[in-house]
Amino acid sequence: MKLLDVVALLEDLPEINLYRGQVGTIVEEYEAGIFEVEFSDSTGKAYALEMLTEKQLMILYHAPLSPEKILISA
């Protein structure tokens, strides 16, 4: 995962009002595997900015993936 990747949350975090499946963008990487993710509505207005770990996120892709990319991501 890297800066500006679009990601989805993999778990519910009710204490911060975020839930599995919500989509955000990585806006900062603090150290290996720890990211600041901005969650925005369909108009682009941010509604949450949270520090999350790589294990809490999955990258979303908007194009077909090559077999090499799938193996690297797994």
PDB file of N, CA and C in Angstrom:
ATOM      1  N   MET A   1       0.849  -1.185   0.000  1.00  0.00           N
ATOM      2  CA  MET A   1       0.000   0.000   0.000  1.00  0.00           C
ATOM      3  C   MET A   1       0.881   1.229   0.000  1.00  0.00           C
ATOM      4  N   LYS A   2       0.375   2.259  -0.652  1.00  0.00           N
ATOM      5  CA  LYS A   2       1.170   3.472  -0.770  1.00  0.00           C
ATOM      6  C   LYS A   2       0.256   4.707  -0.790  1.00  0.00           C
ATOM      7  N   LEU A   3       0.872   5.847  -0.744  1.00  0.00           N
ATOM      8  CA  LEU A   3       0.172   7.128  -0.772  1.00  0.00           C
ATOM      9  C   LEU A   3      -0.796   7.188  -1.947  1.00  0.00           C
ATOM     10  N   LEU A   4      -2.009   7.633  -1.691  1.00  0.00           N
ATOM     11  CA  LEU A   4      -3.102   7.837  -2.644  1.00  0.00           C
ATOM     12  C   LEU A   4      -3.782   6.561  -3.137  1.00  0.00           C
ATOM     13  N   ASP A   5      -3.420   5.398  -2.594  1.00  0.00           N
ATOM     14  CA  ASP A   5      -4.172   4.187  -2.914  1.00  0.00           C
ATOM     15  C   ASP A   5      -5.584   4.318  -2.354  1.00  0.00           C
ATOM     16  N   VAL A   6      -6.555   3.825  -3.111  1.00  0.00           N
ATOM     17  CA  VAL A   6      -7.939   3.772  -2.650  1.00  0.00           C
ATOM     18  C   VAL A   6      -8.113   2.439  -1.936  1.00  0.00           C
ATOM     19  N   VAL A   7      -8.639   2.493  -0.727  1.00  0.00           N
ATOM     20  CA  VAL A   7      -8.734   1.309   0.119  1.00  0.00           C
ATOM     21  C   VAL A   7     -10.137   1.163   0.699  1.00  0.00           C
ATOM     22  N   ALA A   8     -10.441  -0.061   1.134  1.00  0.00           N
ATOM     23  CA  ALA A   8     -11.697  -0.328   1.838  1.00  0.00           C
ATOM     24  C   ALA A   8     -11.365  -0.851   3.222  1.00  0.00           C
ATOM     25  N   LEU A   9     -12.179  -0.488   4.164  1.00  0.00           N
ATOM     26  CA  LEU A   9     -12.021  -0.939   5.544  1.00  0.00           C
ATOM     27  C   LEU A   9     -12.483  -2.383   5.667  1.00  0.00           C
ATOM     28  N   LEU A  10     -11.705  -3.218   6.340  1.00  0.00           N
ATOM     29  CA  LEU A  10     -12.001  -4.641   6.476  1.00  0.00           C
ATOM     30  C   LEU A  10     -12.700  -5.015   7.775  1.00  0.00           C
ATOM     31  N   GLU A  11     -12.889  -4.067   8.664  1.00  0.00           N
ATOM     32  CA  GLU A  11     -13.527  -4.379   9.947  1.00  0.00           C
ATOM     33  C   GLU A  11     -14.378  -3.216  10.420  1.00  0.00           C
ATOM     34  N   ASP A  12     -15.321  -3.520  11.285  1.00  0.00           N
ATOM     35  CA  ASP A  12     -16.144  -2.477  11.895  1.00  0.00           C
ATOM     36  C   ASP A  12     -15.361  -1.804  13.013  1.00  0.00           C
ATOM     37  N   LEU A  13     -15.429  -0.479  13.046  1.00  0.00           N
ATOM     38  CA  LEU A  13     -14.816   0.323  14.111  1.00  0.00           C
ATOM     39  C   LEU A  13     -15.886   1.271  14.656  1.00  0.00           C
ATOM     40  N   PRO A  14     -16.889   0.739  15.348  1.00  0.00           N
ATOM     41  CA  PRO A  14     -18.021   1.558  15.786  1.00  0.00           C
ATOM     42  C   PRO A  14     -17.628   2.709  16.713  1.00  0.00           C
ATOM     43  N   GLU A  15     -16.531   2.545  17.436  1.00  0.00           N
ATOM     44  CA  GLU A  15     -16.102   3.613  18.352  1.00  0.00           C
ATOM     45  C   GLU A  15     -15.699   4.886  17.621  1.00  0.00           C
ATOM     46  N   ILE A  16     -15.379   4.775  16.326  1.00  0.00           N
ATOM     47  CA  ILE A  16     -15.051   5.963  15.519  1.00  0.00           C
ATOM     48  C   ILE A  16     -16.014   6.106  14.335  1.00  0.00           C
ATOM     49  N   ASN A  17     -17.136   5.384  14.417  1.00  0.00           N
ATOM     50  CA  ASN A  17     -18.211   5.477  13.426  1.00  0.00           C
ATOM     51  C   ASN A  17     -17.766   5.108  12.007  1.00  0.00           C
ATOM     52  N   LEU A  18     -16.903   4.097  11.888  1.00  0.00           N
ATOM     53  CA  LEU A  18     -16.492   3.569  10.597  1.00  0.00           C
ATOM     54  C   LEU A  18     -16.805   2.080  10.566  1.00  0.00           C
ATOM     55  N   TYR A  19     -17.207   1.613   9.375  1.00  0.00           N
ATOM     56  CA  TYR A  19     -17.659   0.232   9.266  1.00  0.00           C
ATOM     57  C   TYR A  19     -17.086  -0.444   8.032  1.00  0.00           C
ATOM     58  N   ARG A  20     -16.988  -1.772   8.128  1.00  0.00           N
ATOM     59  CA  ARG A  20     -16.467  -2.603   7.049  1.00  0.00           C
ATOM     60  C   ARG A  20     -17.084  -2.189   5.712  1.00  0.00           C
ATOM     61  N   GLY A  21     -16.221  -2.025   4.716  1.00  0.00           N
ATOM     62  CA  GLY A  21     -16.675  -1.678   3.377  1.00  0.00           C
ATOM     63  C   GLY A  21     -16.581  -0.196   3.039  1.00  0.00           C
ATOM     64  N   GLN A  22     -16.430   0.648   4.038  1.00  0.00           N
ATOM     65  CA  GLN A  22     -16.301   2.070   3.729  1.00  0.00           C
ATOM     66  C   GLN A  22     -14.983   2.306   2.995  1.00  0.00           C
ATOM     67  N   VAL A  23     -15.023   3.228   2.041  1.00  0.00           N
ATOM     68  CA  VAL A  23     -13.894   3.467   1.138  1.00  0.00           C
ATOM     69  C   VAL A  23     -13.187   4.767   1.506  1.00  0.00           C
ATOM     70  N   GLY A  24     -11.855   4.705   1.496  1.00  0.00           N
ATOM     71  CA  GLY A  24     -11.047   5.887   1.792  1.00  0.00           C
ATOM     72  C   GLY A  24      -9.811   5.933   0.920  1.00  0.00           C
ATOM     73  N   THR A  25      -9.013   6.960   1.129  1.00  0.00           N
ATOM     74  CA  THR A  25      -7.772   7.162   0.382  1.00  0.00           C
ATOM     75  C   THR A  25      -6.626   7.330   1.368  1.00  0.00           C
ATOM     76  N   ILE A  26      -5.524   6.638   1.114  1.00  0.00           N
ATOM     77  CA  ILE A  26      -4.332   6.803   1.952  1.00  0.00           C
ATOM     78  C   ILE A  26      -3.735   8.173   1.676  1.00  0.00           C
ATOM     79  N   VAL A  27      -3.612   8.990   2.727  1.00  0.00           N
ATOM     80  CA  VAL A  27      -3.081  10.343   2.565  1.00  0.00           C
ATOM     81  C   VAL A  27      -1.730  10.541   3.251  1.00  0.00           C
ATOM     82  N   GLU A  28      -1.312   9.542   4.036  1.00  0.00           N
ATOM     83  CA  GLU A  28      -0.006   9.632   4.710  1.00  0.00           C
ATOM     84  C   GLU A  28       0.422   8.237   5.139  1.00  0.00           C
ATOM     85  N   GLU A  29       1.717   7.987   5.082  1.00  0.00           N
ATOM     86  CA  GLU A  29       2.266   6.747   5.635  1.00  0.00           C
ATOM     87  C   GLU A  29       3.214   7.146   6.751  1.00  0.00           C
ATOM     88  N   TYR A  30       2.903   6.710   7.979  1.00  0.00           N
ATOM     89  CA  TYR A  30       3.713   7.091   9.132  1.00  0.00           C
ATOM     90  C   TYR A  30       4.926   6.198   9.301  1.00  0.00           C
ATOM     91  N   GLU A  31       4.722   4.913   9.122  1.00  0.00           N
ATOM     92  CA  GLU A  31       5.810   3.934   9.145  1.00  0.00           C
ATOM     93  C   GLU A  31       5.284   2.726   8.391  1.00  0.00           C
ATOM     94  N   ALA A  32       6.123   1.744   8.185  1.00  0.00           N
ATOM     95  CA  ALA A  32       5.707   0.577   7.405  1.00  0.00           C
ATOM     96  C   ALA A  32       4.412  -0.016   7.958  1.00  0.00           C
ATOM     97  N   GLY A  33       3.377  -0.056   7.115  1.00  0.00           N
ATOM     98  CA  GLY A  33       2.121  -0.685   7.500  1.00  0.00           C
ATOM     99  C   GLY A  33       1.168   0.157   8.317  1.00  0.00           C
ATOM    100  N   ILE A  34       1.485   1.432   8.557  1.00  0.00           N
ATOM    101  CA  ILE A  34       0.597   2.319   9.319  1.00  0.00           C
ATOM    102  C   ILE A  34       0.313   3.559   8.481  1.00  0.00           C
ATOM    103  N   PHE A  35      -0.989   3.782   8.230  1.00  0.00           N
ATOM    104  CA  PHE A  35      -1.397   4.828   7.300  1.00  0.00           C
ATOM    105  C   PHE A  35      -2.457   5.737   7.900  1.00  0.00           C
ATOM    106  N   GLU A  36      -2.489   6.973   7.412  1.00  0.00           N
ATOM    107  CA  GLU A  36      -3.607   7.859   7.686  1.00  0.00           C
ATOM    108  C   GLU A  36      -4.526   7.767   6.474  1.00  0.00           C
ATOM    109  N   VAL A  37      -5.794   7.469   6.739  1.00  0.00           N
ATOM    110  CA  VAL A  37      -6.761   7.274   5.662  1.00  0.00           C
ATOM    111  C   VAL A  37      -7.870   8.310   5.805  1.00  0.00           C
ATOM    112  N   GLU A  38      -8.163   8.976   4.691  1.00  0.00           N
ATOM    113  CA  GLU A  38      -9.253   9.955   4.663  1.00  0.00           C
ATOM    114  C   GLU A  38     -10.468   9.306   4.021  1.00  0.00           C
ATOM    115  N   PHE A  39     -11.599   9.390   4.716  1.00  0.00           N
ATOM    116  CA  PHE A  39     -12.868   8.880   4.209  1.00  0.00           C
ATOM    117  C   PHE A  39     -13.714  10.086   3.803  1.00  0.00           C
ATOM    118  N   SER A  40     -14.232  10.058   2.570  1.00  0.00           N
ATOM    119  CA  SER A  40     -15.000  11.179   2.022  1.00  0.00           C
ATOM    120  C   SER A  40     -16.324  10.691   1.468  1.00  0.00           C
ATOM    121  N   ASP A  41     -17.314  11.595   1.458  1.00  0.00           N
ATOM    122  CA  ASP A  41     -18.612  11.240   0.870  1.00  0.00           C
ATOM    123  C   ASP A  41     -18.561  11.399  -0.647  1.00  0.00           C
ATOM    124  N   SER A  42     -19.678  11.170  -1.319  1.00  0.00           N
ATOM    125  CA  SER A  42     -19.704  11.204  -2.782  1.00  0.00           C
ATOM    126  C   SER A  42     -19.476  12.600  -3.368  1.00  0.00           C
ATOM    127  N   THR A  43     -19.544  13.637  -2.530  1.00  0.00           N
ATOM    128  CA  THR A  43     -19.266  14.992  -3.009  1.00  0.00           C
ATOM    129  C   THR A  43     -17.817  15.396  -2.756  1.00  0.00           C
ATOM    130  N   GLY A  44     -17.050  14.512  -2.098  1.00  0.00           N
ATOM    131  CA  GLY A  44     -15.651  14.801  -1.802  1.00  0.00           C
ATOM    132  C   GLY A  44     -15.414  15.407  -0.434  1.00  0.00           C
ATOM    133  N   LYS A  45     -16.477  15.578   0.357  1.00  0.00           N
ATOM    134  CA  LYS A  45     -16.333  16.149   1.700  1.00  0.00           C
ATOM    135  C   LYS A  45     -15.855  15.065   2.667  1.00  0.00           C
ATOM    136  N   ALA A  46     -14.722  15.312   3.317  1.00  0.00           N
ATOM    137  CA  ALA A  46     -14.166  14.343   4.267  1.00  0.00           C
ATOM    138  C   ALA A  46     -15.049  14.255   5.503  1.00  0.00           C
ATOM    139  N   TYR A  47     -15.298  13.022   5.943  1.00  0.00           N
ATOM    140  CA  TYR A  47     -16.059  12.822   7.179  1.00  0.00           C
ATOM    141  C   TYR A  47     -15.263  12.074   8.242  1.00  0.00           C
ATOM    142  N   ALA A  48     -14.081  11.568   7.873  1.00  0.00           N
ATOM    143  CA  ALA A  48     -13.228  10.913   8.870  1.00  0.00           C
ATOM    144  C   ALA A  48     -11.797  10.903   8.376  1.00  0.00           C
ATOM    145  N   LEU A  49     -10.870  11.011   9.296  1.00  0.00           N
ATOM    146  CA  LEU A  49      -9.442  10.938   9.022  1.00  0.00           C
ATOM    147  C   LEU A  49      -8.846  10.118  10.157  1.00  0.00           C
ATOM    148  N   GLU A  50      -8.415   8.890   9.844  1.00  0.00           N
ATOM    149  CA  GLU A  50      -7.994   7.971  10.899  1.00  0.00           C
ATOM    150  C   GLU A  50      -6.684   7.280  10.571  1.00  0.00           C
ATOM    151  N   MET A  51      -5.921   6.962  11.612  1.00  0.00           N
ATOM    152  CA  MET A  51      -4.703   6.174  11.467  1.00  0.00           C
ATOM    153  C   MET A  51      -5.103   4.698  11.562  1.00  0.00           C
ATOM    154  N   LEU A  52      -4.762   3.932  10.524  1.00  0.00           N
ATOM    155  CA  LEU A  52      -5.140   2.526  10.445  1.00  0.00           C
ATOM    156  C   LEU A  52      -3.947   1.694  10.012  1.00  0.00           C
ATOM    157  N   THR A  53      -4.028   0.401  10.310  1.00  0.00           N
ATOM    158  CA  THR A  53      -2.945  -0.490   9.918  1.00  0.00           C
ATOM    159  C   THR A  53      -3.274  -1.182   8.598  1.00  0.00           C
ATOM    160  N   GLU A  54      -2.245  -1.680   7.971  1.00  0.00           N
ATOM    161  CA  GLU A  54      -2.371  -2.405   6.711  1.00  0.00           C
ATOM    162  C   GLU A  54      -3.342  -3.583   6.836  1.00  0.00           C
ATOM    163  N   LYS A  55      -3.383  -4.217   7.992  1.00  0.00           N
ATOM    164  CA  LYS A  55      -4.260  -5.375   8.205  1.00  0.00           C
ATOM    165  C   LYS A  55      -5.737  -4.988   8.266  1.00  0.00           C
ATOM    166  N   GLN A  56      -6.028  -3.707   8.475  1.00  0.00           N
ATOM    167  CA  GLN A  56      -7.412  -3.241   8.534  1.00  0.00           C
ATOM    168  C   GLN A  56      -7.941  -2.804   7.174  1.00  0.00           C
ATOM    169  N   LEU A  57      -7.094  -2.852   6.149  1.00  0.00           N
ATOM    170  CA  LEU A  57      -7.434  -2.278   4.845  1.00  0.00           C
ATOM    171  C   LEU A  57      -7.192  -3.258   3.703  1.00  0.00           C
ATOM    172  N   MET A  58      -7.893  -3.040   2.592  1.00  0.00           N
ATOM    173  CA  MET A  58      -7.581  -3.731   1.351  1.00  0.00           C
ATOM    174  C   MET A  58      -7.586  -2.714   0.225  1.00  0.00           C
ATOM    175  N   ILE A  59      -6.658  -2.855  -0.717  1.00  0.00           N
ATOM    176  CA  ILE A  59      -6.576  -1.953  -1.862  1.00  0.00           C
ATOM    177  C   ILE A  59      -7.702  -2.279  -2.830  1.00  0.00           C
ATOM    178  N   LEU A  60      -8.318  -1.241  -3.394  1.00  0.00           N
ATOM    179  CA  LEU A  60      -9.331  -1.403  -4.426  1.00  0.00           C
ATOM    180  C   LEU A  60      -8.701  -1.082  -5.774  1.00  0.00           C
ATOM    181  N   TYR A  61      -9.076  -1.839  -6.779  1.00  0.00           N
ATOM    182  CA  TYR A  61      -8.529  -1.651  -8.130  1.00  0.00           C
ATOM    183  C   TYR A  61      -9.656  -1.288  -9.087  1.00  0.00           C
ATOM    184  N   HIS A  62      -9.378  -0.387 -10.021  1.00  0.00           N
ATOM    185  CA  HIS A  62     -10.364   0.065 -10.995  1.00  0.00           C
ATOM    186  C   HIS A  62     -10.041  -0.421 -12.397  1.00  0.00           C
ATOM    187  N   ALA A  63      -9.194  -1.427 -12.504  1.00  0.00           N
ATOM    188  CA  ALA A  63      -8.789  -1.961 -13.809  1.00  0.00           C
ATOM    189  C   ALA A  63      -8.435  -3.430 -13.634  1.00  0.00           C
ATOM    190  N   PRO A  64      -8.401  -4.174 -14.729  1.00  0.00           N
ATOM    191  CA  PRO A  64      -7.995  -5.586 -14.631  1.00  0.00           C
ATOM    192  C   PRO A  64      -6.586  -5.702 -14.067  1.00  0.00           C
ATOM    193  N   LEU A  65      -6.337  -6.796 -13.363  1.00  0.00           N
ATOM    194  CA  LEU A  65      -5.019  -7.045 -12.785  1.00  0.00           C
ATOM    195  C   LEU A  65      -4.314  -8.138 -13.568  1.00  0.00           C
ATOM    196  N   SER A  66      -3.006  -8.003 -13.687  1.00  0.00           N
ATOM    197  CA  SER A  66      -2.204  -9.060 -14.303  1.00  0.00           C
ATOM    198  C   SER A  66      -2.019 -10.169 -13.270  1.00  0.00           C
ATOM    199  N   PRO A  67      -1.752 -11.408 -13.714  1.00  0.00           N
ATOM    200  CA  PRO A  67      -1.520 -12.500 -12.757  1.00  0.00           C
ATOM    201  C   PRO A  67      -0.385 -12.189 -11.790  1.00  0.00           C
ATOM    202  N   GLU A  68       0.649 -11.481 -12.232  1.00  0.00           N
ATOM    203  CA  GLU A  68       1.773 -11.134 -11.353  1.00  0.00           C
ATOM    204  C   GLU A  68       1.301 -10.224 -10.218  1.00  0.00           C
ATOM    205  N   LYS A  69       0.441  -9.259 -10.520  1.00  0.00           N
ATOM    206  CA  LYS A  69      -0.051  -8.323  -9.518  1.00  0.00           C
ATOM    207  C   LYS A  69      -0.895  -9.052  -8.480  1.00  0.00           C
ATOM    208  N   ILE A  70      -1.695 -10.013  -8.912  1.00  0.00           N
ATOM    209  CA  ILE A  70      -2.545 -10.770  -7.996  1.00  0.00           C
ATOM    210  C   ILE A  70      -1.675 -11.578  -7.032  1.00  0.00           C
ATOM    211  N   LEU A  71      -0.624 -12.203  -7.531  1.00  0.00           N
ATOM    212  CA  LEU A  71       0.265 -12.995  -6.676  1.00  0.00           C
ATOM    213  C   LEU A  71       0.992 -12.135  -5.668  1.00  0.00           C
ATOM    214  N   ILE A  72       1.410 -10.938  -6.081  1.00  0.00           N
ATOM    215  CA  ILE A  72       2.123 -10.023  -5.177  1.00  0.00           C
ATOM    216  C   ILE A  72       1.178  -9.523  -4.080  1.00  0.00           C
ATOM    217  N   SER A  73      -0.070  -9.265  -4.419  1.00  0.00           N
ATOM    218  CA  SER A  73      -1.035  -8.726  -3.466  1.00  0.00           C
ATOM    219  C   SER A  73      -1.520  -9.764  -2.472  1.00  0.00           C
ATOM    220  N   ALA A  74      -1.429 -11.028  -2.810  1.00  0.00           N
ATOM    221  CA  ALA A  74      -1.981 -12.091  -1.958  1.00  0.00           C
ATOM    222  C   ALA A  74      -1.145 -12.327  -0.728  1.00  0.00           C
TER     223      ALA A  74
END
